[in-house]
Amino acid sequence: QVQLVESGGGLVQAGGSLRLSCAPSGSIFAIGRMGWYRQAPGKQRELVGTITSTTDYADSVKGRFTISRDNAKNTAYLQMNNLKPEDTAVYYCNAQLTPYGSSSSSIYWGQGTQVTVSS
């Protein structure tokens, strides 16, 4: 059973930094696009950024957040700097994964990790 596992959320003061990690558990044949999303209370889930061979970011996080991936570890990271109270949300990782034994890929979501930025 393949799952995406996130870690690294927490409470930080405005101006601080956090790094989130996302990696699949189970046997993976291939990983395609990976992305980070977030959902604040009372709001819809929104895209933070994605990574393939390049990265793309939402305007609200450009210059502050960086997405990277370690292909040897099948892990994606979201480095968040200069955090603001409006960045408070549950952050979700998603990835296009092909498990071993499967002939096709599917989109998987992590369980979410809370990021709280205090003013």
N, C-alpha and C. Protein backbone atom coordinates (compact mmCIF):
# COMPACT_ATOMS: atom_id res chain seq x y z
N GLN A 1 0.84 -1.18 0.00
CA GLN A 1 0.00 0.00 0.00
C GLN A 1 0.88 1.24 0.00
N VAL A 2 0.81 2.01 -1.05
CA VAL A 2 1.64 3.21 -1.17
C VAL A 2 0.92 4.39 -0.54
N GLN A 3 1.67 5.16 0.24
CA GLN A 3 1.15 6.39 0.83
C GLN A 3 2.21 7.47 0.72
N LEU A 4 1.75 8.71 0.76
CA LEU A 4 2.66 9.85 0.85
C LEU A 4 2.71 10.29 2.29
N VAL A 5 3.91 10.47 2.80
CA VAL A 5 4.09 10.84 4.20
C VAL A 5 4.78 12.19 4.27
N GLU A 6 4.15 13.12 4.98
CA GLU A 6 4.70 14.46 5.15
C GLU A 6 5.23 14.62 6.57
N SER A 7 6.17 15.54 6.72
CA SER A 7 6.67 15.89 8.04
C SER A 7 7.23 17.30 8.01
N GLY A 8 7.39 17.88 9.19
CA GLY A 8 8.08 19.16 9.30
C GLY A 8 7.23 20.35 9.66
N GLY A 9 5.93 20.18 9.82
CA GLY A 9 5.10 21.32 10.18
C GLY A 9 5.34 21.73 11.63
N GLY A 10 4.71 22.83 12.02
CA GLY A 10 4.84 23.29 13.39
C GLY A 10 4.44 24.73 13.55
N LEU A 11 4.82 25.29 14.69
CA LEU A 11 4.52 26.68 15.03
C LEU A 11 5.79 27.50 14.93
N VAL A 12 5.69 28.64 14.26
CA VAL A 12 6.86 29.50 14.08
C VAL A 12 6.40 30.95 14.13
N GLN A 13 7.28 31.83 14.54
CA GLN A 13 6.96 33.25 14.55
C GLN A 13 7.10 33.83 13.15
N ALA A 14 6.40 34.92 12.92
CA ALA A 14 6.51 35.61 11.63
C ALA A 14 7.98 35.96 11.36
N GLY A 15 8.38 35.74 10.10
CA GLY A 15 9.76 35.96 9.73
C GLY A 15 10.63 34.73 9.85
N GLY A 16 10.10 33.69 10.48
CA GLY A 16 10.86 32.45 10.66
C GLY A 16 10.79 31.54 9.45
N SER A 17 11.37 30.35 9.62
CA SER A 17 11.46 29.38 8.53
C SER A 17 11.04 28.00 9.00
N LEU A 18 10.54 27.22 8.05
CA LEU A 18 10.24 25.81 8.27
C LEU A 18 10.56 25.06 6.99
N ARG A 19 10.87 23.78 7.11
CA ARG A 19 11.05 22.94 5.95
C ARG A 19 10.16 21.72 6.08
N LEU A 20 9.33 21.51 5.07
CA LEU A 20 8.47 20.34 5.01
C LEU A 20 9.09 19.30 4.10
N SER A 21 8.84 18.03 4.43
CA SER A 21 9.32 16.93 3.61
C SER A 21 8.15 16.05 3.20
N CYS A 22 8.31 15.40 2.07
CA CYS A 22 7.26 14.52 1.54
C CYS A 22 7.92 13.36 0.83
N ALA A 23 7.56 12.15 1.23
CA ALA A 23 8.14 10.97 0.60
C ALA A 23 7.11 9.85 0.59
N PRO A 24 7.15 9.01 -0.42
CA PRO A 24 6.23 7.88 -0.46
C PRO A 24 6.74 6.73 0.40
N SER A 25 5.81 6.03 1.03
CA SER A 25 6.13 4.76 1.67
C SER A 25 5.70 3.65 0.73
N GLY A 26 6.37 2.51 0.78
CA GLY A 26 6.06 1.44 -0.15
C GLY A 26 7.00 1.47 -1.34
N SER A 27 6.83 0.52 -2.23
CA SER A 27 7.72 0.35 -3.38
C SER A 27 7.19 1.15 -4.56
N ILE A 28 8.06 2.06 -5.04
CA ILE A 28 7.69 2.95 -6.12
C ILE A 28 8.53 2.67 -7.35
N PHE A 29 7.86 2.55 -8.51
CA PHE A 29 8.58 2.37 -9.75
C PHE A 29 9.00 3.70 -10.35
N ALA A 30 8.12 4.69 -10.25
CA ALA A 30 8.43 5.99 -10.84
C ALA A 30 7.66 7.08 -10.11
N ILE A 31 8.27 8.26 -10.07
CA ILE A 31 7.62 9.46 -9.52
C ILE A 31 7.67 10.55 -10.56
N GLY A 32 6.55 11.12 -10.84
CA GLY A 32 6.50 12.22 -11.79
C GLY A 32 6.42 13.54 -11.07
N ARG A 33 5.47 14.34 -11.48
CA ARG A 33 5.28 15.66 -10.89
C ARG A 33 4.96 15.56 -9.39
N MET A 34 5.56 16.42 -8.61
CA MET A 34 5.23 16.55 -7.19
C MET A 34 4.82 17.98 -6.92
N GLY A 35 3.93 18.15 -5.98
CA GLY A 35 3.45 19.48 -5.70
C GLY A 35 3.09 19.67 -4.24
N TRP A 36 2.99 20.94 -3.85
CA TRP A 36 2.55 21.30 -2.51
C TRP A 36 1.32 22.19 -2.63
N TYR A 37 0.35 21.92 -1.78
CA TYR A 37 -0.88 22.70 -1.70
C TYR A 37 -1.09 23.10 -0.25
N ARG A 38 -1.98 24.04 -0.02
CA ARG A 38 -2.31 24.41 1.36
C ARG A 38 -3.78 24.80 1.44
N GLN A 39 -4.31 24.62 2.64
CA GLN A 39 -5.71 24.98 2.88
C GLN A 39 -5.82 25.65 4.23
N ALA A 40 -6.20 26.91 4.20
CA ALA A 40 -6.42 27.67 5.42
C ALA A 40 -7.87 27.48 5.87
N PRO A 41 -8.16 27.70 7.16
CA PRO A 41 -9.53 27.53 7.66
C PRO A 41 -10.52 28.38 6.88
N GLY A 42 -11.58 27.75 6.43
CA GLY A 42 -12.62 28.46 5.71
C GLY A 42 -12.30 28.79 4.27
N LYS A 43 -11.16 28.31 3.79
CA LYS A 43 -10.77 28.61 2.41
C LYS A 43 -10.59 27.33 1.62
N GLN A 44 -10.57 27.50 0.30
CA GLN A 44 -10.34 26.34 -0.56
C GLN A 44 -8.85 26.00 -0.60
N ARG A 45 -8.58 24.76 -0.92
CA ARG A 45 -7.20 24.33 -1.08
C ARG A 45 -6.60 25.06 -2.28
N GLU A 46 -5.37 25.55 -2.10
CA GLU A 46 -4.72 26.29 -3.19
C GLU A 46 -3.34 25.72 -3.44
N LEU A 47 -2.91 25.90 -4.69
CA LEU A 47 -1.60 25.42 -5.09
C LEU A 47 -0.52 26.35 -4.54
N VAL A 48 0.51 25.75 -3.95
CA VAL A 48 1.68 26.50 -3.51
C VAL A 48 2.76 26.46 -4.60
N GLY A 49 3.03 25.28 -5.11
CA GLY A 49 4.02 25.14 -6.17
C GLY A 49 4.18 23.70 -6.59
N THR A 50 4.85 23.51 -7.72
CA THR A 50 5.08 22.17 -8.25
C THR A 50 6.52 22.03 -8.71
N ILE A 51 6.95 20.78 -8.85
CA ILE A 51 8.29 20.52 -9.34
C ILE A 51 8.26 19.32 -10.27
N THR A 52 8.83 19.53 -11.44
CA THR A 52 9.13 18.43 -12.36
C THR A 52 10.62 18.56 -12.64
N SER A 53 10.97 18.93 -13.84
CA SER A 53 12.36 19.31 -14.10
C SER A 53 12.55 20.79 -13.81
N THR A 54 11.45 21.49 -13.67
CA THR A 54 11.45 22.90 -13.29
C THR A 54 10.48 23.09 -12.13
N THR A 55 10.47 24.28 -11.59
CA THR A 55 9.55 24.61 -10.50
C THR A 55 8.65 25.77 -10.89
N ASP A 56 7.45 25.75 -10.34
CA ASP A 56 6.50 26.84 -10.51
C ASP A 56 5.90 27.15 -9.15
N TYR A 57 5.62 28.42 -8.92
CA TYR A 57 5.13 28.85 -7.62
C TYR A 57 3.94 29.77 -7.76
N ALA A 58 3.09 29.74 -6.74
CA ALA A 58 2.04 30.74 -6.64
C ALA A 58 2.68 32.10 -6.39
N ASP A 59 2.05 33.14 -6.88
CA ASP A 59 2.60 34.49 -6.71
C ASP A 59 2.79 34.85 -5.24
N SER A 60 1.92 34.34 -4.39
CA SER A 60 1.96 34.70 -2.97
C SER A 60 3.19 34.17 -2.24
N VAL A 61 3.87 33.19 -2.83
CA VAL A 61 5.02 32.60 -2.14
C VAL A 61 6.34 32.78 -2.90
N LYS A 62 6.26 33.34 -4.10
CA LYS A 62 7.48 33.53 -4.90
C LYS A 62 8.50 34.35 -4.14
N GLY A 63 9.74 33.89 -4.17
CA GLY A 63 10.81 34.60 -3.48
C GLY A 63 10.96 34.22 -2.02
N ARG A 64 9.98 33.51 -1.47
CA ARG A 64 10.04 33.10 -0.07
C ARG A 64 10.10 31.58 0.09
N PHE A 65 9.39 30.87 -0.78
CA PHE A 65 9.33 29.41 -0.70
C PHE A 65 10.15 28.78 -1.83
N THR A 66 10.77 27.65 -1.53
CA THR A 66 11.54 26.91 -2.54
C THR A 66 11.19 25.43 -2.47
N ILE A 67 10.84 24.87 -3.62
CA ILE A 67 10.58 23.43 -3.71
C ILE A 67 11.78 22.76 -4.34
N SER A 68 12.19 21.66 -3.76
CA SER A 68 13.29 20.87 -4.30
C SER A 68 12.96 19.40 -4.14
N ARG A 69 13.75 18.56 -4.78
CA ARG A 69 13.53 17.12 -4.63
C ARG A 69 14.86 16.39 -4.67
N ASP A 70 14.93 15.33 -3.91
CA ASP A 70 16.08 14.44 -3.90
C ASP A 70 15.60 13.14 -4.53
N ASN A 71 15.96 12.94 -5.79
CA ASN A 71 15.45 11.77 -6.52
C ASN A 71 15.97 10.46 -5.94
N ALA A 72 17.16 10.49 -5.36
CA ALA A 72 17.70 9.26 -4.77
C ALA A 72 16.88 8.82 -3.56
N LYS A 73 16.28 9.79 -2.89
CA LYS A 73 15.46 9.50 -1.71
C LYS A 73 13.97 9.57 -2.00
N ASN A 74 13.61 9.86 -3.26
CA ASN A 74 12.20 10.00 -3.62
C ASN A 74 11.49 11.01 -2.72
N THR A 75 12.18 12.05 -2.37
CA THR A 75 11.66 13.01 -1.39
C THR A 75 11.59 14.41 -1.99
N ALA A 76 10.49 15.08 -1.71
CA ALA A 76 10.34 16.48 -2.08
C ALA A 76 10.36 17.33 -0.82
N TYR A 77 10.84 18.55 -0.96
CA TYR A 77 10.95 19.46 0.17
C TYR A 77 10.28 20.78 -0.17
N LEU A 78 9.74 21.41 0.85
CA LEU A 78 9.23 22.77 0.72
C LEU A 78 9.92 23.61 1.79
N GLN A 79 10.88 24.42 1.36
CA GLN A 79 11.58 25.33 2.26
C GLN A 79 10.81 26.63 2.29
N MET A 80 10.36 27.02 3.47
CA MET A 80 9.56 28.23 3.63
C MET A 80 10.31 29.22 4.49
N ASN A 81 10.64 30.36 3.91
CA ASN A 81 11.36 31.41 4.60
C ASN A 81 10.49 32.66 4.71
N ASN A 82 10.86 33.52 5.63
CA ASN A 82 10.13 34.77 5.83
C ASN A 82 8.62 34.51 5.93
N LEU A 83 8.26 33.58 6.79
CA LEU A 83 6.86 33.18 6.91
C LEU A 83 6.01 34.31 7.46
N LYS A 84 4.77 34.37 7.00
CA LYS A 84 3.81 35.38 7.40
C LYS A 84 2.60 34.71 8.03
N PRO A 85 1.87 35.43 8.87
CA PRO A 85 0.67 34.82 9.48
C PRO A 85 -0.31 34.28 8.43
N GLU A 86 -0.37 34.92 7.27
CA GLU A 86 -1.29 34.45 6.23
C GLU A 86 -0.83 33.15 5.58
N ASP A 87 0.36 32.67 5.92
CA ASP A 87 0.81 31.36 5.44
C ASP A 87 0.27 30.23 6.31
N THR A 88 -0.39 30.57 7.40
CA THR A 88 -0.96 29.56 8.29
C THR A 88 -1.98 28.71 7.54
N ALA A 89 -1.77 27.41 7.55
CA ALA A 89 -2.65 26.50 6.82
C ALA A 89 -2.20 25.06 7.07
N VAL A 90 -3.01 24.13 6.62
CA VAL A 90 -2.57 22.75 6.52
C VAL A 90 -1.94 22.57 5.14
N TYR A 91 -0.73 22.08 5.12
CA TYR A 91 0.00 21.91 3.88
C TYR A 91 -0.04 20.44 3.45
N TYR A 92 -0.36 20.25 2.18
CA TYR A 92 -0.48 18.91 1.61
C TYR A 92 0.50 18.72 0.47
N CYS A 93 1.07 17.54 0.45
CA CYS A 93 1.92 17.15 -0.66
C CYS A 93 1.10 16.26 -1.60
N ASN A 94 1.35 16.38 -2.90
CA ASN A 94 0.80 15.38 -3.79
C ASN A 94 1.85 14.99 -4.82
N ALA A 95 1.67 13.81 -5.38
CA ALA A 95 2.65 13.30 -6.31
C ALA A 95 2.00 12.31 -7.28
N GLN A 96 2.54 12.30 -8.48
CA GLN A 96 2.12 11.32 -9.48
C GLN A 96 3.05 10.12 -9.31
N LEU A 97 2.50 9.00 -8.84
CA LEU A 97 3.30 7.83 -8.51
C LEU A 97 2.88 6.62 -9.33
N THR A 98 3.88 5.82 -9.70
CA THR A 98 3.63 4.51 -10.30
C THR A 98 4.20 3.47 -9.35
N PRO A 99 3.36 2.76 -8.61
CA PRO A 99 3.87 1.72 -7.72
C PRO A 99 4.44 0.55 -8.52
N TYR A 100 5.37 -0.18 -7.92
CA TYR A 100 5.86 -1.40 -8.54
C TYR A 100 4.70 -2.37 -8.73
N GLY A 101 4.65 -2.97 -9.92
CA GLY A 101 3.59 -3.91 -10.22
C GLY A 101 2.39 -3.26 -10.89
N SER A 102 2.40 -1.93 -10.95
CA SER A 102 1.29 -1.22 -11.60
C SER A 102 1.71 -0.78 -12.99
N SER A 103 0.76 -0.73 -13.89
CA SER A 103 1.05 -0.32 -15.27
C SER A 103 0.72 1.14 -15.52
N SER A 104 0.23 1.80 -14.50
CA SER A 104 -0.15 3.20 -14.69
C SER A 104 0.12 4.01 -13.43
N SER A 105 0.16 5.32 -13.59
CA SER A 105 0.39 6.20 -12.45
C SER A 105 -0.93 6.74 -11.92
N SER A 106 -0.89 7.18 -10.68
CA SER A 106 -2.04 7.81 -10.05
C SER A 106 -1.56 8.97 -9.20
N ILE A 107 -2.48 9.85 -8.88
CA ILE A 107 -2.16 10.98 -8.01
C ILE A 107 -2.41 10.58 -6.56
N TYR A 108 -1.41 10.77 -5.75
CA TYR A 108 -1.52 10.47 -4.32
C TYR A 108 -1.39 11.77 -3.53
N TRP A 109 -2.08 11.79 -2.39
CA TRP A 109 -2.03 12.93 -1.48
C TRP A 109 -1.50 12.51 -0.12
N GLY A 110 -0.74 13.40 0.50
CA GLY A 110 -0.33 13.19 1.87
C GLY A 110 -1.45 13.52 2.83
N GLN A 111 -1.21 13.26 4.11
CA GLN A 111 -2.24 13.46 5.12
C GLN A 111 -2.35 14.91 5.57
N GLY A 112 -1.40 15.71 5.22
CA GLY A 112 -1.41 17.11 5.61
C GLY A 112 -0.61 17.35 6.88
N THR A 113 0.02 18.51 6.94
CA THR A 113 0.77 18.89 8.13
C THR A 113 0.47 20.36 8.43
N GLN A 114 0.23 20.65 9.70
CA GLN A 114 -0.18 22.00 10.10
C GLN A 114 1.03 22.93 10.20
N VAL A 115 0.90 24.08 9.59
CA VAL A 115 1.88 25.15 9.73
C VAL A 115 1.15 26.36 10.32
N THR A 116 1.63 26.83 11.45
CA THR A 116 1.03 27.98 12.12
C THR A 116 2.08 29.06 12.30
N VAL A 117 1.78 30.24 11.80
CA VAL A 117 2.71 31.37 11.90
C VAL A 117 2.08 32.43 12.81
N SER A 118 2.75 32.71 13.90
CA SER A 118 2.23 33.70 14.84
C SER A 118 2.81 35.07 14.54
N SER A 119 2.01 36.08 14.83
CA SER A 119 2.45 37.46 14.54
C SER A 119 3.19 38.06 15.72
